[in-house]
Structure formats: C-alpha cells, structure tokens
Protein backbone atom coordinates (compact mmCIF):
# COMPACT_ATOMS: atom_id res chain seq x y z
CA MET A 1 -58.34 -97.40 -21.75
CA GLU A 2 -60.05 -94.42 -20.18
CA THR A 3 -63.17 -93.13 -21.80
CA VAL A 4 -64.41 -89.62 -22.10
CA GLU A 5 -66.79 -90.13 -19.22
CA ASP A 6 -63.95 -91.04 -16.88
CA LEU A 7 -62.16 -87.74 -17.53
CA THR A 8 -62.84 -84.94 -15.02
CA PHE A 9 -62.47 -81.23 -15.64
CA LYS A 10 -60.02 -79.53 -13.26
CA LYS A 11 -60.35 -75.86 -12.57
CA PRO A 12 -57.13 -74.09 -13.59
CA GLN A 13 -55.21 -72.38 -10.82
CA ILE A 14 -54.63 -68.65 -11.24
CA MET A 15 -51.11 -67.58 -10.26
CA CYS A 16 -51.34 -64.31 -8.34
CA VAL A 17 -49.37 -62.36 -5.76
CA LYS A 18 -50.60 -62.13 -2.22
CA THR A 19 -52.35 -58.98 -1.18
CA GLY A 20 -49.88 -58.22 1.59
CA LYS A 21 -46.93 -58.18 -0.79
CA ILE A 22 -48.76 -55.95 -3.21
CA ALA A 23 -49.44 -53.53 -0.42
CA SER A 24 -45.82 -53.50 0.66
CA ASN A 25 -44.57 -52.95 -2.89
CA GLY A 26 -47.03 -50.18 -3.36
CA LYS A 27 -45.79 -48.57 -0.16
CA ILE A 28 -42.18 -48.69 -1.36
CA ASN A 29 -43.15 -47.27 -4.73
CA SER A 30 -45.05 -44.48 -3.03
CA LEU A 31 -42.03 -43.67 -0.83
CA LEU A 32 -39.73 -43.60 -3.82
CA SER A 33 -42.04 -41.32 -5.69
CA LYS A 34 -42.19 -38.97 -2.67
CA ASP A 35 -38.36 -38.92 -2.40
CA LYS A 36 -38.05 -38.09 -6.07
CA ILE A 37 -40.59 -35.31 -5.71
CA ASN A 38 -38.79 -33.89 -2.67
CA GLN A 39 -35.44 -34.13 -4.45
CA ALA A 40 -36.88 -32.33 -7.44
CA HIS A 41 -38.17 -29.59 -5.16
CA ASN A 42 -34.79 -29.33 -3.45
CA ASN A 43 -33.02 -28.93 -6.80
CA GLU A 44 -35.21 -25.97 -7.72
CA PRO A 45 -33.43 -22.62 -7.22
CA SER A 46 -34.46 -20.91 -4.00
CA SER A 47 -34.10 -17.16 -3.88
CA GLN A 48 -33.74 -17.32 -0.12
CA ASN A 49 -30.27 -18.82 -0.48
CA TYR A 50 -28.98 -15.98 -2.62
CA PRO A 51 -27.08 -13.08 -1.04
CA TYR A 52 -29.26 -10.80 -3.16
CA GLU A 53 -32.51 -8.99 -2.56
CA GLU A 54 -34.72 -8.31 -5.56
CA PRO A 55 -35.33 -4.55 -5.93
CA LYS A 56 -38.79 -2.98 -6.10
CA TRP A 57 -38.32 -1.87 -9.70
CA SER A 58 -37.70 -5.44 -10.85
CA GLY A 59 -39.91 -7.01 -13.52
CA LEU A 60 -40.10 -9.28 -16.54
CA PRO A 61 -38.85 -8.06 -19.93
CA GLU A 62 -41.49 -7.66 -22.61
CA LYS A 63 -39.16 -8.74 -25.41
CA SER A 64 -36.94 -11.76 -25.88
CA TYR A 65 -33.42 -11.61 -24.43
CA GLU A 66 -30.79 -14.28 -23.95
CA ILE A 67 -27.18 -14.81 -22.95
CA GLN A 68 -24.91 -16.69 -25.32
CA GLU A 69 -21.86 -18.35 -23.80
CA ILE A 70 -18.95 -18.57 -26.24
CA LYS A 71 -15.81 -20.65 -25.80
CA THR A 72 -13.04 -20.59 -28.44
CA GLY A 73 -15.43 -19.11 -30.97
CA THR A 74 -18.19 -21.68 -30.44
CA ILE A 75 -21.55 -21.14 -28.74
CA THR A 76 -21.63 -23.63 -25.86
CA LYS A 77 -24.76 -22.51 -23.98
CA ILE A 78 -27.78 -20.25 -24.48
CA THR A 79 -29.72 -18.99 -21.45
CA ASN A 80 -33.12 -17.35 -21.79
CA LEU A 81 -33.49 -14.14 -19.75
CA SER A 82 -37.14 -13.36 -20.52
CA SER A 83 -38.72 -15.90 -18.16
CA LYS A 84 -37.30 -14.44 -14.93
CA PRO A 85 -36.76 -10.90 -13.62
CA PHE A 86 -33.17 -11.71 -12.63
CA THR A 87 -30.59 -14.40 -13.35
CA ILE A 88 -27.93 -15.61 -10.90
CA ILE A 89 -24.44 -16.51 -12.12
CA GLY A 90 -22.07 -18.51 -9.92
CA ARG A 91 -20.36 -21.79 -9.14
CA ASN A 92 -23.15 -23.25 -6.98
CA ASN A 93 -25.49 -25.80 -8.52
CA ASP A 94 -28.60 -23.78 -7.63
CA CYS A 95 -27.50 -20.83 -9.79
CA ASP A 96 -29.32 -20.12 -13.03
CA ILE A 97 -26.03 -20.05 -14.95
CA THR A 98 -23.50 -22.42 -13.41
CA MET A 99 -19.83 -21.94 -14.23
CA ALA A 100 -17.13 -24.29 -12.94
CA HIS A 101 -14.09 -22.02 -13.20
CA PRO A 102 -12.23 -21.88 -9.83
CA THR A 103 -12.01 -18.06 -9.87
CA ILE A 104 -15.79 -17.69 -9.95
CA SER A 105 -17.50 -17.23 -6.60
CA ARG A 106 -20.36 -19.37 -5.34
CA TYR A 107 -22.75 -16.52 -6.06
CA HIS A 108 -20.81 -14.27 -8.41
CA ALA A 109 -23.16 -11.82 -10.15
CA VAL A 110 -26.78 -11.04 -11.05
CA ILE A 111 -28.30 -9.94 -14.35
CA GLN A 112 -31.34 -7.88 -13.29
CA TYR A 113 -34.08 -6.38 -15.47
CA ARG A 114 -35.49 -2.94 -14.60
CA ALA A 115 -39.15 -2.58 -15.53
CA LYS A 116 -39.71 0.92 -14.12
CA GLU A 117 -37.88 3.98 -15.34
CA GLU A 118 -36.59 6.41 -12.76
CA GLU A 119 -34.37 9.48 -12.75
CA ASN A 120 -31.14 8.75 -14.66
CA GLU A 121 -32.07 5.04 -14.72
CA THR A 122 -33.61 3.66 -17.91
CA ILE A 123 -35.52 0.43 -18.49
CA GLY A 124 -33.36 -2.55 -19.43
CA PHE A 125 -30.90 -5.09 -18.12
CA TYR A 126 -28.29 -4.33 -15.44
CA VAL A 127 -25.44 -6.43 -14.10
CA TYR A 128 -24.78 -6.48 -10.35
CA ASP A 129 -21.57 -7.94 -8.89
CA LEU A 130 -22.17 -9.79 -5.61
CA ASN A 131 -18.88 -8.68 -4.07
CA SER A 132 -17.02 -11.46 -5.86
CA THR A 133 -13.33 -12.12 -5.28
CA HIS A 134 -12.12 -11.87 -8.87
CA GLY A 135 -14.69 -9.40 -10.17
CA THR A 136 -17.08 -8.99 -13.09
CA TYR A 137 -16.07 -7.38 -16.38
CA VAL A 138 -18.21 -5.52 -18.91
CA ASN A 139 -16.41 -4.94 -22.21
CA LYS A 140 -13.04 -5.66 -20.50
CA HIS A 141 -13.66 -3.09 -17.74
CA ARG A 142 -14.09 -4.32 -14.18
CA ILE A 143 -17.22 -2.96 -12.54
CA LYS A 144 -17.66 -1.94 -8.92
CA SER A 145 -19.16 -4.46 -6.53
CA ASN A 146 -22.73 -3.97 -5.27
CA THR A 147 -23.43 -1.48 -8.06
CA TYR A 148 -25.91 -1.76 -10.94
CA VAL A 149 -24.24 -1.26 -14.33
CA LYS A 150 -26.37 -0.77 -17.46
CA LEU A 151 -26.13 -3.40 -20.17
CA LYS A 152 -26.83 -2.99 -23.86
CA VAL A 153 -27.40 -5.63 -26.49
CA GLY A 154 -24.01 -6.75 -27.74
CA HIS A 155 -22.15 -6.07 -24.50
CA ILE A 156 -19.69 -8.77 -23.47
CA LEU A 157 -19.57 -10.08 -19.90
CA LYS A 158 -16.68 -11.95 -18.29
CA PHE A 159 -16.71 -13.43 -14.81
CA GLY A 160 -13.52 -13.92 -12.81
CA CYS A 161 -10.58 -15.19 -14.84
CA SER A 162 -12.71 -17.41 -17.05
CA THR A 163 -12.04 -17.09 -20.78
CA ARG A 164 -15.69 -17.73 -21.67
CA LEU A 165 -17.49 -14.76 -23.21
CA ASN A 166 -21.14 -14.07 -22.35
CA ILE A 167 -22.89 -11.85 -24.90
CA LEU A 168 -26.27 -10.23 -24.32
CA ILE A 169 -28.56 -10.92 -27.30
CA GLY A 170 -31.79 -8.98 -27.82
CA PRO A 171 -33.76 -6.66 -30.11
CA PRO A 172 -31.75 -4.27 -32.32
CA GLU A 173 -33.35 -1.15 -30.81
CA ASP A 174 -31.66 -1.95 -27.50
CA GLU A 175 -28.18 -1.86 -29.04
CA GLU A 176 -25.75 0.88 -28.09
CA GLU A 177 -25.76 3.81 -30.49
CA GLU A 178 -22.70 4.11 -32.68
CA ASP A 179 -20.56 7.20 -32.28
CA ASN A 180 -19.95 9.11 -35.50
CA MET A 181 -17.07 11.12 -34.06
CA THR A 182 -13.72 11.05 -35.83
CA TYR A 183 -10.49 9.90 -34.20
CA THR A 184 -9.38 13.50 -33.62
CA GLU A 185 -12.68 14.36 -31.98
CA LEU A 186 -12.44 11.29 -29.75
CA VAL A 187 -8.93 12.29 -28.65
CA GLU A 188 -10.07 15.85 -27.93
CA ARG A 189 -13.04 14.58 -25.93
CA LYS A 190 -10.78 12.27 -23.92
CA GLN A 191 -8.38 15.15 -23.18
CA LYS A 192 -11.30 17.35 -22.18
CA ILE A 193 -12.64 14.71 -19.80
CA LYS A 194 -9.16 14.22 -18.34
CA LEU A 195 -8.77 17.98 -17.84
CA GLU A 196 -12.16 18.21 -16.15
CA MET A 197 -11.19 15.39 -13.79
CA GLU A 198 -7.91 17.12 -12.92
CA LEU A 199 -9.71 20.41 -12.30
CA GLN A 200 -12.24 18.66 -10.09
CA LYS A 201 -9.45 16.94 -8.17
CA CYS A 202 -7.57 20.23 -7.74
CA LYS A 203 -10.74 21.94 -6.57
CA SER A 204 -11.41 19.20 -4.03
CA GLU A 205 -7.84 19.38 -2.71
CA THR A 206 -8.06 23.17 -2.42
CA GLU A 207 -11.35 23.00 -0.54
CA GLU A 208 -9.95 20.35 1.79
CA ARG A 209 -6.82 22.41 2.44
CA GLU A 210 -8.87 25.53 3.17
CA ARG A 211 -11.10 23.55 5.51
CA VAL A 212 -8.10 22.19 7.44
CA GLU A 213 -6.51 25.64 7.67
CA LYS A 214 -9.77 27.11 8.87
CA GLU A 215 -10.07 24.47 11.57
CA GLU A 216 -6.47 24.97 12.67
CA ASN A 217 -6.77 28.75 12.78
CA GLY A 218 -10.20 28.68 14.36
CA ILE A 219 -9.14 26.84 17.52
CA ASN A 220 -6.62 28.74 19.66
CA TRP A 221 -7.63 27.29 23.05
CA GLY A 222 -7.86 30.84 24.45
CA MET A 223 -4.17 31.55 23.99
CA GLY A 224 -4.22 33.43 20.72
CA ASP A 225 -4.32 36.92 22.23
CA ASP A 226 -2.18 36.25 25.31
CA ALA A 227 0.54 34.22 23.66
CA ASP A 228 4.12 35.21 24.41
CA GLU A 229 6.10 36.85 21.69
CA GLU A 230 8.65 34.70 19.98
CA THR A 231 12.26 35.03 21.06
CA ASP A 232 14.38 37.14 18.78
CA LEU A 233 16.84 34.76 17.16
CA SER A 234 18.25 37.15 14.61
CA GLU A 235 21.67 37.09 16.24
CA ASN A 236 21.90 33.31 16.48
CA PRO A 237 19.03 31.68 14.58
CA PHE A 238 20.30 28.12 15.00
CA ALA A 239 21.30 28.26 18.65
CA MET A 240 17.99 27.37 20.32
CA THR A 241 16.27 25.27 17.67
CA ASN A 242 16.64 21.73 16.41
CA ASN A 243 17.77 21.61 12.80
CA GLU A 244 18.11 17.92 12.15
CA GLU A 245 17.35 18.37 8.46
CA MET A 246 20.63 20.27 8.18
CA TYR A 247 22.78 17.26 8.99
CA ILE A 248 20.59 14.17 8.62
CA ASP A 249 21.74 13.54 5.04
CA ASP A 250 25.49 13.67 5.77
CA PRO A 251 26.22 13.79 9.52
CA LYS A 252 29.92 13.00 9.03
CA LYS A 253 30.41 16.10 6.89
CA ALA A 254 28.45 18.28 9.32
CA LEU A 255 30.45 17.06 12.31
CA LYS A 256 33.76 17.46 10.47
CA GLY A 257 32.83 21.04 9.61
CA TRP A 258 32.05 21.80 13.24
CA PHE A 259 35.37 20.35 14.43
CA ASP A 260 37.23 22.38 11.80
CA ARG A 261 35.51 25.59 12.90
CA GLU A 262 36.44 24.86 16.50
CA GLY A 263 40.04 24.09 15.62
CA GLU A 264 39.72 20.53 16.87
CA GLU A 265 40.68 17.22 15.37
CA LEU A 266 37.93 14.70 14.79
CA ASN A 267 38.80 11.16 15.89
CA TYR A 268 36.45 8.17 15.85
CA ASP A 269 37.16 5.49 18.45
CA ILE A 270 35.82 2.27 16.89
CA GLU A 271 35.81 -1.07 18.68
CA GLU A 272 34.44 -4.37 17.39
CA MET A 273 32.67 -6.02 20.32
CA GLN A 274 31.54 -9.08 18.36
CA PRO A 275 31.71 -10.11 14.71
CA GLY A 276 29.48 -7.61 12.96
CA ASN A 277 28.86 -5.54 16.12
CA PHE A 278 30.72 -2.21 16.32
CA VAL A 279 30.80 0.48 19.01
CA CYS A 280 31.89 3.93 17.85
CA LYS A 281 32.66 6.85 20.20
CA VAL A 282 33.50 10.51 19.64
CA GLU A 283 34.57 12.90 22.37
CA LEU A 284 33.06 16.34 21.93
CA PRO A 285 35.27 19.26 23.07
CA ILE A 286 32.46 21.21 24.72
CA ASP A 287 32.00 22.41 28.29
CA LEU A 288 28.55 21.89 29.78
CA GLY A 289 29.52 22.69 33.37
CA GLU A 290 28.67 19.55 35.33
CA ARG A 291 30.17 17.04 32.92
CA SER A 292 33.82 17.35 32.00
CA LYS A 293 33.62 15.06 28.98
CA ILE A 294 30.78 14.68 26.52
CA ILE A 295 30.99 11.48 24.48
CA ALA A 296 28.69 10.53 21.60
CA GLU A 297 28.33 6.77 21.29
CA ALA A 298 26.64 4.44 18.79
CA ASN A 299 26.27 0.66 18.97
CA VAL A 300 25.50 -0.80 15.53
CA LYS A 301 25.09 -4.35 14.28
CA GLY A 302 26.28 -4.21 10.71
CA LYS A 303 29.16 -2.60 8.92
CA LYS A 304 31.88 -0.40 10.38
CA LYS A 305 30.86 2.55 8.18
CA GLU A 306 27.31 2.42 9.52
CA ALA A 307 28.61 2.68 13.09
CA VAL A 308 30.64 5.77 12.16
CA VAL A 309 27.63 7.43 10.51
CA GLN A 310 25.36 6.72 13.48
CA CYS A 311 27.98 8.03 15.90
CA ALA A 312 28.39 11.23 13.87
CA LEU A 313 24.61 11.64 13.79
CA GLU A 314 24.38 11.27 17.57
CA ALA A 315 27.20 13.80 18.03
CA CYS A 316 25.42 16.30 15.77
CA ARG A 317 22.22 15.86 17.78
CA ILE A 318 24.04 16.53 21.05
CA LEU A 319 25.62 19.68 19.62
CA ASP A 320 22.32 20.79 18.13
CA ARG A 321 20.41 20.33 21.39
CA ASN A 322 22.93 22.57 23.13
CA GLY A 323 22.87 25.18 20.37
CA LEU A 324 26.48 24.63 19.35
CA LEU A 325 26.25 22.98 15.95
CA ARG A 326 25.38 25.98 13.77
CA GLN A 327 26.69 29.09 15.48
CA ALA A 328 25.90 32.33 13.70
CA ASN A 329 29.08 34.15 14.68
CA GLN A 330 32.62 33.06 13.95
CA GLU A 331 34.18 33.82 17.32
CA SER A 332 34.52 30.20 18.29
CA ARG A 333 37.65 29.61 16.23
CA LYS A 334 39.44 32.65 17.67
CA ARG A 335 38.38 31.75 21.19
CA ALA A 336 39.58 28.19 20.73
CA ALA A 337 42.91 29.38 19.37
CA LYS A 338 43.35 31.69 22.35
CA ASP A 339 42.48 28.96 24.81
CA TRP A 340 44.94 26.56 23.14
CA GLU A 341 47.63 29.15 23.40
CA ALA A 342 46.98 29.48 27.13
CA VAL A 343 47.64 25.77 27.70
CA ASP A 344 50.60 25.67 25.28
CA PHE A 345 48.46 23.79 22.73
CA TYR A 346 48.29 20.69 24.92
CA ASP A 347 45.03 18.97 25.79
CA SER A 348 44.19 18.34 29.43
CA ASP A 349 44.62 14.55 29.18
CA GLU A 350 47.75 14.63 26.99
CA ASP A 351 51.11 13.88 28.59
CA ASN A 352 54.23 14.36 26.49
CA PHE A 353 56.39 12.56 29.04
CA LEU A 354 54.50 9.26 28.75
CA ASP A 355 54.06 9.45 24.99
CA ARG A 356 56.55 7.31 23.10
CA THR A 357 54.87 7.45 19.69
CA GLY A 358 55.12 11.20 19.12
CA ASP A 359 51.34 11.55 18.48
CA VAL A 360 50.90 14.14 21.22
CA GLU A 361 53.56 16.37 19.76
CA LYS A 362 52.16 15.98 16.25
CA LYS A 363 48.72 17.06 17.46
CA ARG A 364 50.28 20.03 19.24
CA HIS A 365 52.06 21.13 16.05
CA LYS A 366 48.83 20.84 14.07
CA ARG A 367 47.01 23.03 16.58
CA MET A 368 49.79 25.57 16.47
CA ALA A 369 49.72 25.58 12.66
CA LYS A 370 45.96 26.12 12.58
CA SER A 371 46.19 28.99 15.05
CA GLY A 372 48.99 30.60 13.03
CA LYS A 373 51.59 30.27 15.77
CA LEU A 374 53.73 27.80 13.88
CA GLU A 375 55.34 29.07 10.73
CA SER A 376 56.14 26.51 8.11
CA ILE A 377 59.79 26.81 7.08
CA VAL A 378 60.82 25.54 3.67
CA ASP A 379 64.28 24.05 3.75
CA THR A 380 66.71 24.92 1.01
CA TYR A 381 70.04 23.41 0.18
CA GLU A 382 71.86 25.95 2.34
CA THR A 383 69.61 25.41 5.38
CA LEU A 384 69.95 21.66 5.10
CA VAL A 385 73.75 21.95 4.90
CA GLY A 386 73.72 24.16 7.99
CA LYS A 387 71.59 21.65 9.91
CA TYR A 388 73.90 18.87 8.82
CA GLU A 389 76.99 20.72 10.01
CA LYS A 390 75.36 21.49 13.38
CA ALA A 391 74.44 17.87 13.81
C-alpha cells in the first residue's frame, strides 16, 4: 500500500492551440472582415452610376417629407426624403427606392428638392423623369422626360405600368390650394384656355405661312423682271397643260367622253397573259405625224377591271400630253364626221370583203347614224308586207 510520501505531484498540462494556427485563423478572420467591409461599401449607392447630375440649386429640406407606397389600399413601404437632396427610383438594386415591376427602367425617375428659389421656380420637391421607356405619371398625367415637374403634398406618383401608388407626405402648408370655383366657372375657364390655345395655334400658322410666302416671293433668281409673259390660253385653256386631276378619279368615264366627242367607238383589247396577269390595250384615233397608230397599254397583276382602269388612265395621259383630251371648241366632232364621210365611213384597216361576222358593217352603220347620214326607218305593217312580197 502506497503512502502519502510515495505520491508525487504532477504538473497539469494546459491544452492550448499553437501560435502558428492562431495566426493563420486571425489572418482569415481579418480577410473576411475586409471582404464584408468592401461588400458593404459596394452596396452603398454611388451617385456616379446614376444618369443624373445634381443641380446647383439642390439642397436638403428643412421639414420632414416622406413617400408612402400603397398597394391595394395598404401601405407597404415608407421612404424618408429629408435625409438626402434627391431620391432615385428604379429597378436597380443601388436605387434609393427599388421597384421590381418589369415596365420600370433601371434608373426611372428622381425626386429632387429645390432649396433656392428662382424666377417662376419655387422651393420644394420636383420629379424628374430619366427618359424612361414607360414614363412617369403625376396625378394620372404623364410628364415630359428630362423636365422638372413641381410636386405638392398629396400628389400621387406612378412609375411605368405599376399599380403601386406613391404619395408625397409632408407639412400641411405645402399642400395644393383648393379651388373654390364652381363647376360652371371651371367649364368656362377650360373653354377659355382651349380658345386661347386655338388662337395661339392659328397665329403661329399664320406667321409661318407669311414667312414662307415672303421667302418664296423674295427670291426670284434675277428673273422676276425679265420673265416671259404667259401664253394666252383663253381660246383653248386645256390644250397645253396637264390636267390629271380632271380624269384621275374616273379615267374610264373621261376616255369614253372623249371617244364620244370624236365620234369613235371605244374598244378595250384585253388579254390574260398568265393567271391574274392582264394586258389591256386601247388604240387612240389620233394623228401625231410620225406614228400612224397610238396605242395605250397597261400590264396589271390583279383583276381584269384594274387593267381596264389603268389602260384608260394611260390613254387619258397620252391625250392630255398632246392637248387633245379637253378641247375648248367643238369642231372635232364635225371634222370627224366629215372625214368619215370621205372614206365612206370605213376605217383604214377594215376590210368588208374579209369580214364574215358583219362587225365591220355594223360599225359603219353606227358611224353613219352618229353623223346623221343614216336615217332610222321604222317599219310598219305595210312596209313589212312590201318587203315580204319583194323577197
């Protein structure tokens, strides 16, 4: 059995971490703390990233203002406006008021406080749209981009197509004054403003018109005094001018009228080259010296009627260019009738001997009837009996 004297006292061992490990852990902790600090600095809003330059008249408001965000009748966010001279609204995370609606731009708008009063610009808050895609609205009215618009306490802001309402809250003295005008007075004022705007618009248009006329009359390129006198067209006012407006609406009617005045028969030669592709031709009975036949032609992809209209329009243009469409005198019909009588009412390319359909003779009789050389005889019973007996 051991006695007390045999027992020896052993120094207890102290469990501790080596110095090298402590140093390494401390280094890691210091690096982590530096990263957190840098990340915190990076998350702070930087005015250099904003597409907005703070104006010289900017400043801090002396009284308390805030923006209340309301969704479906409930206040979801309150933003203090008194701690900064301006507040950025947008979809980016570094904005002061971040909104996640897809129609809101990265940097959408700015709420800026004016601390210095200038001409026509009072102290208070202004909203400034940063040229956003879907716009900024003040009391349901879209404001112009890159323009400062005055805000009053109680005004409602909307950004993009978001349904959230943002109301400016502040002291009562900054509220908009109530109008004591009656409904009739408001209507009269609106009509007066509308009339003033119309008068201003009319005045601007008149001034612009006078300016243009002055510029046109002021420049004559040195030919104002030596210009040739205009040709006297009193005898035939339509012979030497283009009058497309006379027949552009209904060229078929205009061409038919010309053929009737000339004692000619209007015939359209239509040929379908391909399905939906028509070629229409009209021979014009005019003499231009070198060319014996003048043919108006139109090639149209579409309907048959469209080809006829285009062909008639081209024929009218040819006649108009040669001063034949709208003759002032009425001698053409008599001259045509006399010329037809000289050739026995046959056209130059018509041959009665080779015609087996009788069309040439029918055309000849029509020309004779129009010229008054063919009298229409009404058969009676006696005349028919006489013809029958002779036959």
